């Protein structure tokens, strides 16, 4: 077994002598290793947080996403309102069904300057479906899902 370690130590010494003789090549090799290790770390971090870590909600494995597919085979970016209401009234498989739609919102700050932020239009069951509680105030009520109901805003 000591023969294996001696051989490895000899190889390491040879590699160090070779790298010392050509500093330009050594710099390129070290830069390539640093970039490769950095890129691999960055990609793993993204994959880990997006795919491997569970969602920060109770029972994340029980959440599903439903979408409409047109007769031409394209996925609709939004579900038609009447279809959602039909799904909700005929639901026998899910504890809750909620709808959300991405929405750009213009936010005006105290100085009068407007800024566009990402928002969501959601139904009343959205937050209870995720199992989260508000820090202040309350969530939406089913009455606020009705047409012509006053608009409510929840900040997060």
C-alpha atoms as a PDB file:
ATOM      1  CA  UNK A   1       0.000   0.000   0.000  1.00  0.00           C
ATOM      2  CA  UNK A   2       2.887   2.397   0.722  1.00  0.00           C
ATOM      3  CA  UNK A   3       4.044   1.861  -2.875  1.00  0.00           C
ATOM      4  CA  UNK A   4       0.795   3.440  -4.113  1.00  0.00           C
ATOM      5  CA  UNK A   5       1.301   6.517  -1.911  1.00  0.00           C
ATOM      6  CA  UNK A   6       4.950   6.867  -2.975  1.00  0.00           C
ATOM      7  CA  UNK A   7       3.925   6.732  -6.628  1.00  0.00           C
ATOM      8  CA  UNK A   8       1.202   9.347  -6.090  1.00  0.00           C
ATOM      9  CA  UNK A   9       3.646  11.619  -4.264  1.00  0.00           C
ATOM     10  CA  UNK A  10       6.151  11.303  -7.122  1.00  0.00           C
ATOM     11  CA  UNK A  11       3.429  12.170  -9.659  1.00  0.00           C
ATOM     12  CA  UNK A  12       2.421  15.216  -7.606  1.00  0.00           C
ATOM     13  CA  UNK A  13       6.033  16.457  -7.408  1.00  0.00           C
ATOM     14  CA  UNK A  14       6.450  15.999 -11.170  1.00  0.00           C
ATOM     15  CA  UNK A  15       3.229  17.936 -11.840  1.00  0.00           C
ATOM     16  CA  UNK A  16       4.327  20.810  -9.598  1.00  0.00           C
ATOM     17  CA  UNK A  17       7.765  21.003 -11.271  1.00  0.00           C
ATOM     18  CA  UNK A  18       6.139  21.039 -14.715  1.00  0.00           C
ATOM     19  CA  UNK A  19       3.673  23.766 -13.729  1.00  0.00           C
ATOM     20  CA  UNK A  20       6.474  25.866 -12.183  1.00  0.00           C
ATOM     21  CA  UNK A  21       8.447  25.751 -15.458  1.00  0.00           C
ATOM     22  CA  UNK A  22       5.608  27.288 -17.504  1.00  0.00           C
ATOM     23  CA  UNK A  23       3.754  29.982 -15.484  1.00  0.00           C
ATOM     24  CA  UNK A  24       1.591  31.119 -18.442  1.00  0.00           C
ATOM     25  CA  UNK A  25       0.197  27.626 -18.934  1.00  0.00           C
ATOM     26  CA  UNK A  26      -0.282  27.297 -15.169  1.00  0.00           C
ATOM     27  CA  UNK A  27      -2.272  30.545 -15.066  1.00  0.00           C
ATOM     28  CA  UNK A  28      -4.528  29.386 -17.925  1.00  0.00           C
ATOM     29  CA  UNK A  29      -5.106  26.001 -16.253  1.00  0.00           C
ATOM     30  CA  UNK A  30      -5.927  27.613 -12.894  1.00  0.00           C
ATOM     31  CA  UNK A  31      -8.269  30.132 -14.542  1.00  0.00           C
ATOM     32  CA  UNK A  32     -10.072  27.332 -16.407  1.00  0.00           C
ATOM     33  CA  UNK A  33     -10.412  25.316 -13.195  1.00  0.00           C
ATOM     34  CA  UNK A  34     -11.706  28.352 -11.292  1.00  0.00           C
ATOM     35  CA  UNK A  35     -14.281  29.147 -13.993  1.00  0.00           C
ATOM     36  CA  UNK A  36     -15.375  25.524 -14.212  1.00  0.00           C
ATOM     37  CA  UNK A  37     -15.764  25.148 -10.457  1.00  0.00           C
ATOM     38  CA  UNK A  38     -17.566  28.506 -10.180  1.00  0.00           C
ATOM     39  CA  UNK A  39     -19.980  27.709 -13.020  1.00  0.00           C
ATOM     40  CA  UNK A  40     -20.699  24.253 -11.618  1.00  0.00           C
ATOM     41  CA  UNK A  41     -21.386  25.725  -8.184  1.00  0.00           C
ATOM     42  CA  UNK A  42     -23.725  28.365  -9.621  1.00  0.00           C
ATOM     43  CA  UNK A  43     -25.658  25.830 -11.701  1.00  0.00           C
ATOM     44  CA  UNK A  44     -25.974  23.429  -8.770  1.00  0.00           C
ATOM     45  CA  UNK A  45     -27.238  26.248  -6.546  1.00  0.00           C
ATOM     46  CA  UNK A  46     -29.970  27.138  -9.051  1.00  0.00           C
ATOM     47  CA  UNK A  47     -30.962  23.505  -9.684  1.00  0.00           C
ATOM     48  CA  UNK A  48     -30.993  22.780  -5.960  1.00  0.00           C
ATOM     49  CA  UNK A  49     -33.194  25.762  -5.095  1.00  0.00           C
ATOM     50  CA  UNK A  50     -35.574  25.353  -8.053  1.00  0.00           C
ATOM     51  CA  UNK A  51     -35.865  21.587  -8.466  1.00  0.00           C
ATOM     52  CA  UNK A  52     -34.591  19.800  -5.383  1.00  0.00           C
ATOM     53  CA  UNK A  53     -35.682  21.930  -2.419  1.00  0.00           C
ATOM     54  CA  UNK A  54     -39.342  21.525  -1.457  1.00  0.00           C
ATOM     55  CA  UNK A  55     -41.602  24.553  -1.831  1.00  0.00           C
ATOM     56  CA  UNK A  56     -41.908  26.620   1.365  1.00  0.00           C
ATOM     57  CA  UNK A  57     -45.516  25.575   1.969  1.00  0.00           C
ATOM     58  CA  UNK A  58     -47.132  22.836   4.059  1.00  0.00           C
ATOM     59  CA  UNK A  59     -47.554  19.648   1.945  1.00  0.00           C
ATOM     60  CA  UNK A  60     -45.888  21.017  -1.223  1.00  0.00           C
ATOM     61  CA  UNK A  61     -46.202  17.591  -2.883  1.00  0.00           C
ATOM     62  CA  UNK A  62     -49.971  17.973  -2.880  1.00  0.00           C
ATOM     63  CA  UNK A  63     -49.995  21.178  -4.948  1.00  0.00           C
ATOM     64  CA  UNK A  64     -50.872  20.778  -8.623  1.00  0.00           C
ATOM     65  CA  UNK A  65     -51.225  23.200 -11.503  1.00  0.00           C
ATOM     66  CA  UNK A  66     -54.102  22.934 -13.975  1.00  0.00           C
ATOM     67  CA  UNK A  67     -54.015  24.531 -17.421  1.00  0.00           C
ATOM     68  CA  UNK A  68     -56.249  24.716 -20.430  1.00  0.00           C
ATOM     69  CA  UNK A  69     -55.117  23.329 -23.766  1.00  0.00           C
ATOM     70  CA  UNK A  70     -56.705  24.740 -26.904  1.00  0.00           C
ATOM     71  CA  UNK A  71     -58.074  22.425 -29.617  1.00  0.00           C
ATOM     72  CA  UNK A  72     -54.924  23.300 -31.607  1.00  0.00           C
ATOM     73  CA  UNK A  73     -52.768  21.861 -28.783  1.00  0.00           C
ATOM     74  CA  UNK A  74     -51.437  25.161 -27.393  1.00  0.00           C
ATOM     75  CA  UNK A  75     -51.428  25.861 -23.657  1.00  0.00           C
ATOM     76  CA  UNK A  76     -53.552  28.879 -22.744  1.00  0.00           C
ATOM     77  CA  UNK A  77     -51.639  31.361 -20.575  1.00  0.00           C
ATOM     78  CA  UNK A  78     -54.873  32.097 -18.678  1.00  0.00           C
ATOM     79  CA  UNK A  79     -57.945  30.069 -17.818  1.00  0.00           C
ATOM     80  CA  UNK A  80     -61.257  31.492 -18.957  1.00  0.00           C
ATOM     81  CA  UNK A  81     -63.288  32.787 -15.991  1.00  0.00           C
ATOM     82  CA  UNK A  82     -66.345  30.639 -16.681  1.00  0.00           C
ATOM     83  CA  UNK A  83     -64.188  27.533 -17.010  1.00  0.00           C
ATOM     84  CA  UNK A  84     -62.599  28.219 -13.627  1.00  0.00           C
ATOM     85  CA  UNK A  85     -66.022  28.739 -12.033  1.00  0.00           C
ATOM     86  CA  UNK A  86     -67.202  25.449 -13.589  1.00  0.00           C
ATOM     87  CA  UNK A  87     -64.111  23.605 -12.333  1.00  0.00           C
ATOM     88  CA  UNK A  88     -64.635  25.005  -8.845  1.00  0.00           C
ATOM     89  CA  UNK A  89     -68.342  24.150  -8.700  1.00  0.00           C
ATOM     90  CA  UNK A  90     -67.814  20.599 -10.030  1.00  0.00           C
ATOM     91  CA  UNK A  91     -64.679  19.873  -7.992  1.00  0.00           C
ATOM     92  CA  UNK A  92     -64.699  16.456  -6.306  1.00  0.00           C
ATOM     93  CA  UNK A  93     -60.950  15.732  -6.363  1.00  0.00           C
ATOM     94  CA  UNK A  94     -59.239  18.702  -4.742  1.00  0.00           C
ATOM     95  CA  UNK A  95     -59.560  20.321  -1.316  1.00  0.00           C
ATOM     96  CA  UNK A  96     -59.376  23.775  -2.878  1.00  0.00           C
ATOM     97  CA  UNK A  97     -59.061  25.313  -6.323  1.00  0.00           C
ATOM     98  CA  UNK A  98     -57.664  28.800  -6.823  1.00  0.00           C
ATOM     99  CA  UNK A  99     -56.747  30.898  -9.813  1.00  0.00           C
ATOM    100  CA  UNK A 100     -53.869  33.289 -10.304  1.00  0.00           C
ATOM    101  CA  UNK A 101     -52.895  35.563 -13.158  1.00  0.00           C
ATOM    102  CA  UNK A 102     -49.668  37.526 -13.527  1.00  0.00           C
ATOM    103  CA  UNK A 103     -50.320  41.237 -13.761  1.00  0.00           C
ATOM    104  CA  UNK A 104     -47.997  44.246 -14.111  1.00  0.00           C
ATOM    105  CA  UNK A 105     -49.033  46.944 -11.633  1.00  0.00           C
ATOM    106  CA  UNK A 106     -48.080  50.620 -11.551  1.00  0.00           C
ATOM    107  CA  UNK A 107     -47.096  51.604  -8.027  1.00  0.00           C
ATOM    108  CA  UNK A 108     -46.910  55.316  -7.202  1.00  0.00           C
ATOM    109  CA  UNK A 109     -44.607  56.159  -4.303  1.00  0.00           C
ATOM    110  CA  UNK A 110     -44.888  59.169  -1.990  1.00  0.00           C
ATOM    111  CA  UNK A 111     -42.882  61.510  -4.245  1.00  0.00           C
ATOM    112  CA  UNK A 112     -45.286  60.886  -7.138  1.00  0.00           C
ATOM    113  CA  UNK A 113     -42.833  58.673  -9.038  1.00  0.00           C
ATOM    114  CA  UNK A 114     -44.415  55.591 -10.623  1.00  0.00           C
ATOM    115  CA  UNK A 115     -42.731  52.192 -10.783  1.00  0.00           C
ATOM    116  CA  UNK A 116     -44.015  49.048 -12.450  1.00  0.00           C
ATOM    117  CA  UNK A 117     -43.969  45.963 -10.190  1.00  0.00           C
ATOM    118  CA  UNK A 118     -44.989  42.337 -10.720  1.00  0.00           C
ATOM    119  CA  UNK A 119     -48.355  41.477  -9.256  1.00  0.00           C
ATOM    120  CA  UNK A 120     -50.851  38.633  -9.212  1.00  0.00           C
ATOM    121  CA  UNK A 121     -54.613  38.644  -9.473  1.00  0.00           C
ATOM    122  CA  UNK A 122     -55.786  35.753  -7.287  1.00  0.00           C
ATOM    123  CA  UNK A 123     -59.028  34.200  -6.112  1.00  0.00           C
ATOM    124  CA  UNK A 124     -60.052  34.015  -2.446  1.00  0.00           C
ATOM    125  CA  UNK A 125     -58.848  30.407  -1.998  1.00  0.00           C
ATOM    126  CA  UNK A 126     -55.289  31.155  -3.172  1.00  0.00           C
ATOM    127  CA  UNK A 127     -53.643  31.893   0.188  1.00  0.00           C
ATOM    128  CA  UNK A 128     -55.526  29.243   2.230  1.00  0.00           C
ATOM    129  CA  UNK A 129     -54.599  26.720  -0.492  1.00  0.00           C
ATOM    130  CA  UNK A 130     -50.911  27.492   0.145  1.00  0.00           C
ATOM    131  CA  UNK A 131     -51.469  27.172   3.902  1.00  0.00           C
ATOM    132  CA  UNK A 132     -50.013  30.571   4.749  1.00  0.00           C
ATOM    133  CA  UNK A 133     -51.268  33.150   7.238  1.00  0.00           C
ATOM    134  CA  UNK A 134     -51.164  36.962   6.929  1.00  0.00           C
ATOM    135  CA  UNK A 135     -48.876  38.866   9.284  1.00  0.00           C
ATOM    136  CA  UNK A 136     -51.380  41.718   9.432  1.00  0.00           C
ATOM    137  CA  UNK A 137     -54.984  42.038   8.292  1.00  0.00           C
ATOM    138  CA  UNK A 138     -56.887  39.277   6.527  1.00  0.00           C
ATOM    139  CA  UNK A 139     -57.011  37.322   3.300  1.00  0.00           C
ATOM    140  CA  UNK A 140     -59.622  37.755   0.608  1.00  0.00           C
ATOM    141  CA  UNK A 141     -63.170  36.546   1.201  1.00  0.00           C
ATOM    142  CA  UNK A 142     -65.361  34.586  -1.249  1.00  0.00           C
ATOM    143  CA  UNK A 143     -67.604  37.666  -1.604  1.00  0.00           C
ATOM    144  CA  UNK A 144     -64.634  39.566  -3.020  1.00  0.00           C
ATOM    145  CA  UNK A 145     -64.428  37.012  -5.860  1.00  0.00           C
ATOM    146  CA  UNK A 146     -67.793  38.160  -7.178  1.00  0.00           C
ATOM    147  CA  UNK A 147     -68.084  40.527 -10.171  1.00  0.00           C
ATOM    148  CA  UNK A 148     -68.103  44.232  -9.274  1.00  0.00           C
ATOM    149  CA  UNK A 149     -66.743  43.562  -5.766  1.00  0.00           C
ATOM    150  CA  UNK A 150     -64.437  46.258  -4.395  1.00  0.00           C
ATOM    151  CA  UNK A 151     -60.787  45.782  -5.325  1.00  0.00           C
ATOM    152  CA  UNK A 152     -58.535  44.606  -2.475  1.00  0.00           C
ATOM    153  CA  UNK A 153     -54.740  44.642  -2.353  1.00  0.00           C
ATOM    154  CA  UNK A 154     -52.481  42.337  -0.382  1.00  0.00           C
ATOM    155  CA  UNK A 155     -48.819  43.341  -0.121  1.00  0.00           C
ATOM    156  CA  UNK A 156     -46.090  40.755   0.272  1.00  0.00           C
END
